Amino acid sequence: MKDNLLSRRTFLQGAAASGLGLTLAGCAAPAQPPAGGEQSDEATPATDVVTIRFMSRAGPDNNPNAQRVLDEDFSSEHSNIKVQLEPAPDDFEQKLLAQMIAGDANDIFEAWGNIFYNWLQRDLLLDVQPYVDRDLSDEAIADYNEFQWTGLVMRGPNGDVRVGMPKYINIMTITYNKDLFDKYGVDYPPADGNWDHDDYANMAKQLTEAAAAAGDTGRIGGWLPAWSWDRFWNHVYMFGGRVVNEKYGTECMLGSPESQAGLKWMYDMIWTYNWFARPDQVENQWGDNALAPGFVCFIEDGTYPLNRDRILGEVMKWDMAHVPVGPTGERTVLGTTDAWSIWKGTSHPDEAWEVLKFMSGPIYQDKQIVRQEGIIPVLKSAIASFIDTVREVNPNLIDVRLETIQEVLDWGYAQDTFWFADQNAAAELLIPALEKVFTVGDVGPEYFIEVCDQVTAAQTA
């Protein structure tokens, strides 16, 4: 459910070094989606019961309810389909990749952009667009958020592929410790979002200096994972820069003056002034686990209200706010493409699609995604009721401004990450560069000028 920096990085680097070449993908016999809007000729007869293996990352606290909803609400209406939920193992990305190539993988599973892209380049994911064309109305499609719906169409070796159906929405917001803001006499981030990067930096500065003056040794104002592949680029965008010249482009843009300005702002916050924490200053913890012990006063991270309150609610009063606008007036954050996908080698593509369609629909979204996992549902029509529901589940959230979530989506500033023509080649160069600049700090943002030239060369090699 929650993004993990190390797993993303390990997968991207490991996949490139594993020697599992694109040609090995042919080991699995590909399933064929329906053509021409008709059911597949090889669809399983209704009298036969098919078992669809579902690898779930919902976790041990949430998987039992997921299985229950699938048994009671899905299988009861699809008597010929049984869904067998299997917990995702550690390092599921690598293990699932190897299983797909070997021809023995789960029928359906969940992941996000960069992982899908790696699998797609190996031609391992089933294109569900023909099923969408057959089964979903324009009205149904319009209920999904555009950034996520369009983001799930990715370029494969044989053209564009819809890699799956949306699972949940994750958007980046500011989460802050109100107790520490009160203690240090610093104003909360504005609820209406009317602030800029100068205000943001000044807030971090005030908190850091006030903590030092109070003798709170080692406490830093804020935390921003600038070293993360999918978390740094929004600040580059807000300074008017870009990572690549266009979607699936070949020209790296991180050397431009505008991109350099955004990169320098983050570098200065972390290394020059240290108003945002370095990874080692929070014991290399991510997000909530940096905020909960009081290492920092606020974080810029994803949005998971129920799980966040489980971590933070007993140790602090917390709230959430919009990220600031950049010098250009643009406000941008990552909106993730977390989704369920179907293995191309499945023997039961039609039945697997029925499961995906159900899990992205209103029943599963309400009973599992919202009420059980407490994360943001994918249907626009469900957002208002989501806020009410999670407050019913956990009354502590009445005092948290969850309306920020609705505003982010209504204001339309969440968007999918950047895409190079060869995303893997770009990742092999940019991920180490991000770590060198923002985690190690032994070089400044100008290092990206050199790396960017290498990225561009790799795109055209």
Protein backbone atom coordinates (compact mmCIF):
# COMPACT_ATOMS: atom_id res chain seq x y z
CA MET A 1 0.00 0.00 0.00
CA LYS A 2 2.51 2.56 1.12
CA ASP A 3 5.36 3.46 -1.24
CA ASN A 4 8.78 2.24 -0.23
CA LEU A 5 11.87 4.04 -1.53
CA LEU A 6 14.21 1.09 -1.14
CA SER A 7 11.94 -1.37 -2.90
CA ARG A 8 11.45 0.95 -5.86
CA ARG A 9 15.17 1.65 -6.15
CA THR A 10 16.16 -1.98 -5.66
CA PHE A 11 13.76 -3.09 -8.36
CA LEU A 12 14.85 -0.56 -10.95
CA GLN A 13 18.52 -1.28 -10.40
CA GLY A 14 18.10 -5.03 -9.97
CA ALA A 15 15.94 -5.46 -13.04
CA ALA A 16 18.59 -3.84 -15.18
CA ALA A 17 21.37 -5.99 -13.74
CA SER A 18 19.51 -9.29 -13.49
CA GLY A 19 20.21 -10.42 -17.02
CA LEU A 20 16.55 -11.22 -17.56
CA GLY A 21 16.46 -10.03 -21.14
CA LEU A 22 13.48 -8.92 -23.15
CA THR A 23 13.61 -12.03 -25.27
CA LEU A 24 12.93 -14.29 -22.30
CA ALA A 25 9.44 -12.90 -22.04
CA GLY A 26 8.49 -15.27 -24.84
CA CYS A 27 8.71 -18.19 -22.39
CA ALA A 28 5.16 -17.44 -21.26
CA ALA A 29 2.33 -18.09 -23.69
CA PRO A 30 0.53 -14.75 -23.99
CA ALA A 31 -3.19 -14.49 -23.31
CA GLN A 32 -5.29 -12.68 -25.87
CA PRO A 33 -7.89 -10.07 -24.89
CA PRO A 34 -11.19 -9.93 -26.79
CA ALA A 35 -11.02 -8.62 -30.32
CA GLY A 36 -13.67 -6.55 -32.03
CA GLY A 37 -15.72 -6.10 -28.86
CA GLU A 38 -16.61 -9.81 -28.63
CA GLN A 39 -16.01 -12.34 -25.88
CA SER A 40 -12.96 -14.52 -26.32
CA ASP A 41 -13.79 -17.82 -28.06
CA GLU A 42 -11.85 -19.61 -25.35
CA ALA A 43 -13.69 -18.08 -22.38
CA THR A 44 -14.24 -20.66 -19.66
CA PRO A 45 -17.79 -22.09 -19.65
CA ALA A 46 -19.92 -20.81 -16.77
CA THR A 47 -20.25 -24.33 -15.38
CA ASP A 48 -16.48 -24.60 -14.73
CA VAL A 49 -14.98 -22.87 -11.72
CA VAL A 50 -11.79 -20.97 -12.48
CA THR A 51 -9.39 -19.94 -9.72
CA ILE A 52 -7.76 -16.54 -10.22
CA ARG A 53 -4.60 -16.09 -8.16
CA PHE A 54 -4.38 -12.57 -6.79
CA MET A 55 -1.12 -11.31 -5.27
CA SER A 56 -2.15 -8.66 -2.73
CA ARG A 57 0.02 -5.99 -1.12
CA ALA A 58 -2.72 -4.86 1.29
CA GLY A 59 -0.89 -6.41 4.25
CA PRO A 60 -1.83 -8.93 6.95
CA ASP A 61 -4.28 -6.57 8.66
CA ASN A 62 -6.20 -5.93 5.45
CA ASN A 63 -5.95 -9.12 3.39
CA PRO A 64 -8.62 -11.09 5.32
CA ASN A 65 -11.24 -8.46 4.59
CA ALA A 66 -10.19 -8.33 0.93
CA GLN A 67 -10.70 -12.08 0.63
CA ARG A 68 -14.07 -11.79 2.39
CA VAL A 69 -15.31 -9.08 0.02
CA LEU A 70 -14.16 -11.08 -2.99
CA ASP A 71 -15.92 -14.20 -1.68
CA GLU A 72 -19.14 -12.53 -0.58
CA ASP A 73 -19.61 -9.80 -3.17
CA PHE A 74 -17.70 -10.92 -6.23
CA SER A 75 -17.78 -14.70 -6.34
CA SER A 76 -21.41 -14.78 -5.26
CA GLU A 77 -22.22 -12.92 -8.48
CA HIS A 78 -19.64 -14.81 -10.56
CA SER A 79 -20.22 -18.43 -9.61
CA ASN A 80 -17.64 -19.65 -12.12
CA ILE A 81 -14.78 -17.55 -10.66
CA LYS A 82 -12.98 -18.09 -7.36
CA VAL A 83 -10.37 -15.52 -6.31
CA GLN A 84 -7.49 -16.90 -4.27
CA LEU A 85 -5.70 -14.10 -2.44
CA GLU A 86 -1.98 -14.63 -1.84
CA PRO A 87 0.04 -12.13 0.26
CA ALA A 88 2.81 -10.43 -1.67
CA PRO A 89 6.27 -11.53 -0.47
CA ASP A 90 9.14 -9.22 0.33
CA ASP A 91 10.81 -8.04 -2.88
CA PHE A 92 7.65 -8.98 -4.74
CA GLU A 93 8.74 -7.00 -7.80
CA GLN A 94 11.78 -9.16 -8.48
CA LYS A 95 10.08 -12.42 -7.57
CA LEU A 96 7.03 -11.73 -9.68
CA LEU A 97 9.20 -10.68 -12.62
CA ALA A 98 11.08 -13.97 -12.44
CA GLN A 99 7.82 -15.94 -12.13
CA MET A 100 6.27 -14.23 -15.14
CA ILE A 101 9.33 -14.92 -17.25
CA ALA A 102 9.35 -18.54 -16.05
CA GLY A 103 5.68 -18.90 -16.99
CA ASP A 104 4.29 -19.48 -13.48
CA ALA A 105 2.93 -16.26 -11.98
CA ASN A 106 -0.18 -14.92 -10.30
CA ASP A 107 -2.96 -13.99 -12.69
CA ILE A 108 -3.41 -10.51 -11.18
CA PHE A 109 -1.27 -8.29 -8.99
CA GLU A 110 -0.74 -4.66 -8.08
CA ALA A 111 2.07 -2.18 -8.60
CA TRP A 112 2.71 1.35 -9.89
CA GLY A 113 4.26 3.29 -12.76
CA ASN A 114 7.92 2.35 -12.89
CA ILE A 115 7.33 -1.27 -12.03
CA PHE A 116 4.63 -1.56 -14.67
CA TYR A 117 6.98 0.04 -17.16
CA ASN A 118 9.71 -2.50 -16.48
CA TRP A 119 7.29 -5.38 -16.90
CA LEU A 120 5.73 -3.79 -19.96
CA GLN A 121 9.07 -3.44 -21.71
CA ARG A 122 9.38 -7.21 -21.33
CA ASP A 123 5.89 -7.63 -22.83
CA LEU A 124 4.58 -9.29 -19.66
CA LEU A 125 1.37 -7.29 -19.08
CA LEU A 126 -1.99 -7.83 -20.71
CA ASP A 127 -3.46 -4.82 -22.49
CA VAL A 128 -6.89 -4.34 -20.91
CA GLN A 129 -7.96 -1.60 -23.33
CA PRO A 130 -10.07 -4.03 -25.45
CA TYR A 131 -11.99 -4.99 -22.29
CA VAL A 132 -12.44 -1.33 -21.38
CA ASP A 133 -13.79 -0.62 -24.86
CA ARG A 134 -16.20 -3.53 -24.56
CA ASP A 135 -17.46 -3.11 -20.99
CA LEU A 136 -17.08 0.45 -19.74
CA SER A 137 -19.30 3.35 -20.75
CA ASP A 138 -18.04 6.88 -21.30
CA GLU A 139 -19.83 7.84 -18.10
CA ALA A 140 -18.03 5.12 -16.12
CA ILE A 141 -14.64 6.15 -17.51
CA ALA A 142 -15.33 9.82 -16.70
CA ASP A 143 -15.65 8.88 -13.01
CA TYR A 144 -11.93 8.05 -12.87
CA ASN A 145 -9.43 10.87 -12.42
CA GLU A 146 -7.88 11.85 -15.73
CA PHE A 147 -4.25 11.92 -14.51
CA GLN A 148 -4.55 8.33 -13.30
CA TRP A 149 -6.70 7.00 -16.13
CA THR A 150 -4.43 8.41 -18.86
CA GLY A 151 -1.31 7.58 -16.83
CA LEU A 152 -2.15 3.88 -16.96
CA VAL A 153 -1.64 3.87 -20.73
CA MET A 154 2.06 3.24 -21.23
CA ARG A 155 4.20 2.65 -24.27
CA GLY A 156 5.21 -0.97 -24.76
CA PRO A 157 7.40 -2.66 -27.36
CA ASN A 158 4.41 -2.98 -29.70
CA GLY A 159 2.62 0.30 -28.99
CA ASP A 160 0.46 1.76 -26.25
CA VAL A 161 -0.90 -0.61 -23.60
CA ARG A 162 -3.42 0.02 -20.82
CA VAL A 163 -1.55 -1.78 -18.07
CA GLY A 164 -4.44 -2.22 -15.64
CA MET A 165 -7.27 -0.67 -13.66
CA PRO A 166 -6.82 1.90 -10.88
CA LYS A 167 -6.46 0.60 -7.33
CA TYR A 168 -6.35 3.78 -5.22
CA ILE A 169 -5.15 7.36 -5.41
CA ASN A 170 -2.07 8.61 -3.64
CA ILE A 171 -1.28 12.31 -3.78
CA MET A 172 1.49 14.31 -2.13
CA THR A 173 0.52 16.73 0.64
CA ILE A 174 2.13 18.40 3.65
CA THR A 175 1.56 16.59 6.97
CA TYR A 176 2.60 18.53 10.06
CA ASN A 177 2.88 18.18 13.84
CA LYS A 178 0.62 20.88 15.25
CA ASP A 179 2.06 20.42 18.75
CA LEU A 180 5.56 21.37 17.57
CA PHE A 181 4.30 24.32 15.52
CA ASP A 182 2.49 25.55 18.65
CA LYS A 183 5.53 24.96 20.84
CA TYR A 184 7.79 26.99 18.56
CA GLY A 185 5.24 29.69 17.75
CA VAL A 186 5.27 29.08 14.01
CA ASP A 187 2.14 29.56 11.91
CA TYR A 188 0.55 26.49 10.37
CA PRO A 189 0.66 26.12 6.58
CA PRO A 190 -2.29 28.09 5.15
CA ALA A 191 -5.42 25.97 4.77
CA ASP A 192 -6.36 27.75 1.54
CA GLY A 193 -3.04 26.87 -0.11
CA ASN A 194 -2.11 30.51 -0.58
CA TRP A 195 1.66 30.31 -0.11
CA ASP A 196 4.83 29.94 -2.15
CA HIS A 197 8.27 28.34 -1.93
CA ASP A 198 9.72 31.32 -0.06
CA ASP A 199 7.03 30.86 2.59
CA TYR A 200 7.76 27.14 2.64
CA ALA A 201 11.48 27.66 3.17
CA ASN A 202 10.88 30.31 5.82
CA MET A 203 8.57 27.97 7.74
CA ALA A 204 11.23 25.25 7.74
CA LYS A 205 13.86 27.80 8.79
CA GLN A 206 11.79 29.12 11.69
CA LEU A 207 11.06 25.63 12.97
CA THR A 208 14.67 24.49 12.72
CA GLU A 209 16.02 27.58 14.48
CA ALA A 210 13.34 27.53 17.17
CA ALA A 211 14.05 23.86 17.90
CA ALA A 212 17.76 24.61 18.27
CA ALA A 213 17.06 27.60 20.54
CA ALA A 214 14.84 25.40 22.72
CA GLY A 215 17.62 22.85 23.06
CA ASP A 216 15.81 20.24 20.99
CA THR A 217 19.02 18.89 19.55
CA GLY A 218 18.83 17.29 16.14
CA ARG A 219 15.25 18.35 15.35
CA ILE A 220 14.90 19.68 11.79
CA GLY A 221 12.04 21.69 10.31
CA GLY A 222 10.93 19.48 7.44
CA TRP A 223 11.48 16.37 5.34
CA LEU A 224 11.30 16.07 1.56
CA PRO A 225 12.47 12.90 -0.26
CA ALA A 226 14.31 14.69 -3.06
CA TRP A 227 16.41 11.56 -3.63
CA SER A 228 13.34 9.56 -4.70
CA TRP A 229 12.78 8.81 -8.39
CA ASP A 230 9.13 9.85 -8.36
CA ARG A 231 9.19 12.55 -5.64
CA PHE A 232 11.74 15.15 -6.78
CA TRP A 233 10.37 16.24 -10.12
CA ASN A 234 7.35 18.24 -8.94
CA HIS A 235 9.61 20.92 -7.45
CA VAL A 236 11.53 21.05 -10.72
CA TYR A 237 8.20 21.59 -12.51
CA MET A 238 7.11 24.32 -10.10
CA PHE A 239 10.27 26.26 -10.94
CA GLY A 240 9.42 26.04 -14.64
CA GLY A 241 11.76 23.16 -15.44
CA ARG A 242 11.15 19.70 -16.80
CA VAL A 243 12.87 16.32 -16.63
CA VAL A 244 12.31 15.32 -20.27
CA ASN A 245 11.27 17.40 -23.26
CA GLU A 246 7.97 15.58 -23.81
CA LYS A 247 6.19 12.40 -22.80
CA TYR A 248 8.32 9.55 -24.12
CA GLY A 249 10.86 12.11 -25.20
CA THR A 250 14.60 11.55 -25.63
CA GLU A 251 16.05 14.87 -24.42
CA CYS A 252 16.85 15.19 -20.72
CA MET A 253 16.06 18.73 -19.49
CA LEU A 254 17.58 18.73 -16.01
CA GLY A 255 20.44 20.92 -17.18
CA SER A 256 18.18 23.83 -18.13
CA PRO A 257 18.30 26.99 -15.95
CA GLU A 258 14.73 26.45 -14.75
CA SER A 259 15.32 22.81 -13.82
CA GLN A 260 18.59 23.72 -12.13
CA ALA A 261 16.76 26.35 -10.07
CA GLY A 262 14.31 23.74 -8.76
CA LEU A 263 17.07 21.25 -8.03
CA LYS A 264 19.12 23.94 -6.28
CA TRP A 265 16.17 24.94 -4.09
CA MET A 266 15.88 21.37 -2.82
CA TYR A 267 19.64 20.98 -2.42
CA ASP A 268 19.86 24.22 -0.43
CA MET A 269 16.96 23.21 1.83
CA ILE A 270 18.65 19.88 2.64
CA TRP A 271 22.40 20.52 2.46
CA THR A 272 23.19 24.25 2.36
CA TYR A 273 20.83 25.37 5.13
CA ASN A 274 19.67 22.00 6.48
CA TRP A 275 16.14 23.22 7.14
CA PHE A 276 14.96 19.95 5.61
CA ALA A 277 16.45 16.78 7.06
CA ARG A 278 19.05 14.62 5.42
CA PRO A 279 18.21 10.90 5.43
CA ASP A 280 20.81 10.13 8.10
CA GLN A 281 19.25 12.73 10.41
CA VAL A 282 16.00 10.74 10.54
CA GLU A 283 17.73 7.36 10.81
CA ASN A 284 16.92 6.78 7.11
CA GLN A 285 13.23 6.54 7.96
CA TRP A 286 10.49 7.37 5.51
CA GLY A 287 7.73 9.95 6.00
CA ASP A 288 5.54 9.12 8.99
CA ASN A 289 8.37 7.25 10.70
CA ALA A 290 10.46 10.42 10.56
CA LEU A 291 7.59 12.57 11.83
CA ALA A 292 6.31 10.34 14.64
CA PRO A 293 9.50 10.34 16.79
CA GLY A 294 9.87 14.11 16.39
CA PHE A 295 12.91 14.08 14.11
CA VAL A 296 11.09 16.69 11.98
CA CYS A 297 8.08 18.98 12.33
CA PHE A 298 6.50 18.30 8.93
CA ILE A 299 6.85 16.04 5.92
CA GLU A 300 5.95 16.21 2.25
CA ASP A 301 4.64 12.75 1.49
CA GLY A 302 1.73 10.64 0.30
CA THR A 303 -1.73 10.70 1.83
CA TYR A 304 -3.08 7.73 3.79
CA PRO A 305 -5.44 9.09 6.48
CA LEU A 306 -6.36 6.00 8.51
CA ASN A 307 -2.91 4.46 8.53
CA ARG A 308 -1.33 7.85 9.22
CA ASP A 309 -3.47 8.39 12.29
CA ARG A 310 -2.58 4.92 13.55
CA ILE A 311 1.06 6.03 13.50
CA LEU A 312 0.71 9.67 14.52
CA GLY A 313 -2.59 10.00 16.38
CA GLU A 314 -1.39 8.85 19.79
CA VAL A 315 1.78 10.96 19.80
CA MET A 316 0.69 14.28 18.31
CA LYS A 317 -2.07 16.46 16.91
CA TRP A 318 -1.51 16.49 13.18
CA ASP A 319 -3.03 18.06 10.12
CA MET A 320 -2.47 18.32 6.38
CA ALA A 321 -2.07 21.11 3.84
CA HIS A 322 -1.39 21.85 0.18
CA VAL A 323 2.15 22.11 -1.12
CA PRO A 324 3.05 25.70 -2.06
CA VAL A 325 3.04 27.18 -5.55
CA GLY A 326 6.36 27.64 -7.30
CA PRO A 327 7.94 30.87 -8.58
CA THR A 328 6.05 30.34 -11.85
CA GLY A 329 2.71 30.18 -10.04
CA GLU A 330 2.43 26.49 -10.91
CA ARG A 331 1.52 23.95 -8.23
CA THR A 332 2.25 20.28 -9.01
CA VAL A 333 2.43 17.04 -7.07
CA LEU A 334 2.70 13.38 -7.92
CA GLY A 335 -0.59 11.58 -8.35
CA THR A 336 0.26 7.90 -8.49
CA THR A 337 -0.70 5.24 -11.01
CA ASP A 338 -1.19 2.50 -8.42
CA ALA A 339 -3.24 -0.16 -10.13
CA TRP A 340 -4.08 -3.82 -10.61
CA SER A 341 -2.68 -5.57 -13.65
CA ILE A 342 -3.07 -8.92 -15.42
CA TRP A 343 -0.16 -11.16 -16.35
CA LYS A 344 -0.08 -11.67 -20.10
CA GLY A 345 0.59 -15.38 -19.60
CA THR A 346 -2.62 -16.01 -17.65
CA SER A 347 -4.79 -18.88 -18.87
CA HIS A 348 -7.92 -16.98 -17.83
CA PRO A 349 -7.79 -13.40 -19.12
CA ASP A 350 -11.57 -12.93 -19.29
CA GLU A 351 -12.08 -14.01 -15.70
CA ALA A 352 -9.09 -11.98 -14.50
CA TRP A 353 -10.59 -8.91 -16.16
CA GLU A 354 -13.87 -9.43 -14.29
CA VAL A 355 -11.93 -9.33 -11.01
CA LEU A 356 -10.09 -6.14 -11.99
CA LYS A 357 -13.30 -4.47 -13.07
CA PHE A 358 -14.91 -5.36 -9.73
CA MET A 359 -11.99 -4.13 -7.62
CA SER A 360 -11.98 -0.76 -9.39
CA GLY A 361 -15.74 -0.50 -8.95
CA PRO A 362 -17.87 0.97 -6.16
CA ILE A 363 -18.39 -2.13 -3.96
CA TYR A 364 -14.76 -3.14 -3.50
CA GLN A 365 -13.63 0.48 -3.38
CA ASP A 366 -16.02 1.16 -0.49
CA LYS A 367 -15.66 -2.06 1.52
CA GLN A 368 -11.93 -2.60 1.10
CA ILE A 369 -10.13 0.49 -0.14
CA VAL A 370 -12.02 3.01 1.99
CA ARG A 371 -13.48 1.27 5.03
CA GLN A 372 -10.68 -1.25 5.53
CA GLU A 373 -7.50 0.34 4.20
CA GLY A 374 -8.59 3.95 4.61
CA ILE A 375 -6.94 5.12 1.41
CA ILE A 376 -8.31 7.36 -1.33
CA PRO A 377 -10.73 5.64 -3.74
CA VAL A 378 -10.29 5.93 -7.48
CA LEU A 379 -13.84 7.09 -8.29
CA LYS A 380 -14.46 10.82 -8.26
CA SER A 381 -18.03 10.19 -7.16
CA ALA A 382 -16.73 8.48 -4.00
CA ILE A 383 -14.37 11.17 -2.69
CA ALA A 384 -16.90 13.15 -0.61
CA SER A 385 -18.32 10.01 0.99
CA PHE A 386 -14.75 8.75 1.54
CA ILE A 387 -14.03 11.73 3.79
CA ASP A 388 -17.22 11.13 5.78
CA THR A 389 -16.58 7.39 6.01
CA VAL A 390 -13.01 7.52 7.31
CA ARG A 391 -14.14 10.04 9.92
CA GLU A 392 -16.81 7.58 10.99
CA VAL A 393 -14.23 4.81 11.16
CA ASN A 394 -11.81 7.04 13.09
CA PRO A 395 -13.37 10.12 14.75
CA ASN A 396 -9.87 11.55 15.35
CA LEU A 397 -9.91 12.53 11.67
CA ILE A 398 -12.68 15.05 12.28
CA ASP A 399 -9.94 17.48 13.30
CA VAL A 400 -7.81 16.75 10.21
CA ARG A 401 -8.49 18.85 7.11
CA LEU A 402 -9.21 15.94 4.76
CA GLU A 403 -10.97 18.38 2.46
CA THR A 404 -7.47 19.12 1.16
CA ILE A 405 -7.71 15.80 -0.71
CA GLN A 406 -10.89 16.86 -2.49
CA GLU A 407 -9.30 20.21 -3.38
CA VAL A 408 -6.13 18.65 -4.82
CA LEU A 409 -8.27 16.58 -7.17
CA ASP A 410 -10.71 19.39 -7.97
CA TRP A 411 -7.93 21.91 -8.58
CA GLY A 412 -6.28 19.40 -10.92
CA TYR A 413 -2.64 19.77 -9.93
CA ALA A 414 -1.89 16.09 -9.28
CA GLN A 415 -0.27 14.43 -12.26
CA ASP A 416 1.56 11.33 -13.39
CA THR A 417 5.34 11.26 -13.32
CA PHE A 418 7.65 11.94 -16.27
CA TRP A 419 8.38 9.31 -18.96
CA PHE A 420 11.39 8.92 -21.20
CA ALA A 421 11.29 6.90 -24.41
CA ASP A 422 13.55 4.44 -22.61
CA GLN A 423 12.58 4.85 -18.97
CA ASN A 424 14.87 2.07 -17.78
CA ALA A 425 17.94 3.64 -19.37
CA ALA A 426 17.08 6.98 -17.75
CA ALA A 427 16.53 5.38 -14.35
CA GLU A 428 19.90 3.61 -14.42
CA LEU A 429 21.58 7.01 -14.61
CA LEU A 430 19.25 9.33 -12.71
CA ILE A 431 18.62 7.22 -9.60
CA PRO A 432 22.33 7.10 -8.61
CA ALA A 433 22.59 10.83 -9.42
CA LEU A 434 19.64 11.67 -7.15
CA GLU A 435 21.24 9.73 -4.33
CA LYS A 436 24.65 11.31 -4.92
CA VAL A 437 23.26 14.85 -4.83
CA PHE A 438 20.53 14.61 -2.22
CA THR A 439 21.42 11.62 -0.02
CA VAL A 440 25.21 11.83 0.02
CA GLY A 441 25.47 15.52 -0.80
CA ASP A 442 29.04 15.39 -2.08
CA VAL A 443 28.12 17.18 -5.31
CA GLY A 444 25.66 19.94 -6.07
CA PRO A 445 22.74 20.07 -8.53
CA GLU A 446 25.07 21.08 -11.36
CA TYR A 447 26.04 17.40 -11.43
CA PHE A 448 22.74 16.77 -13.22
CA ILE A 449 23.98 18.72 -16.24
CA GLU A 450 26.62 16.07 -16.89
CA VAL A 451 24.27 13.20 -16.07
CA CYS A 452 21.53 14.68 -18.23
CA ASP A 453 23.81 14.58 -21.26
CA GLN A 454 24.43 10.90 -20.54
CA VAL A 455 20.68 10.24 -20.23
CA THR A 456 20.02 11.88 -23.58
CA ALA A 457 22.80 9.88 -25.20
CA ALA A 458 21.39 6.66 -23.74
CA GLN A 459 17.98 7.42 -25.25
CA THR A 460 19.38 7.50 -28.74
CA ALA A 461 21.95 4.71 -28.37
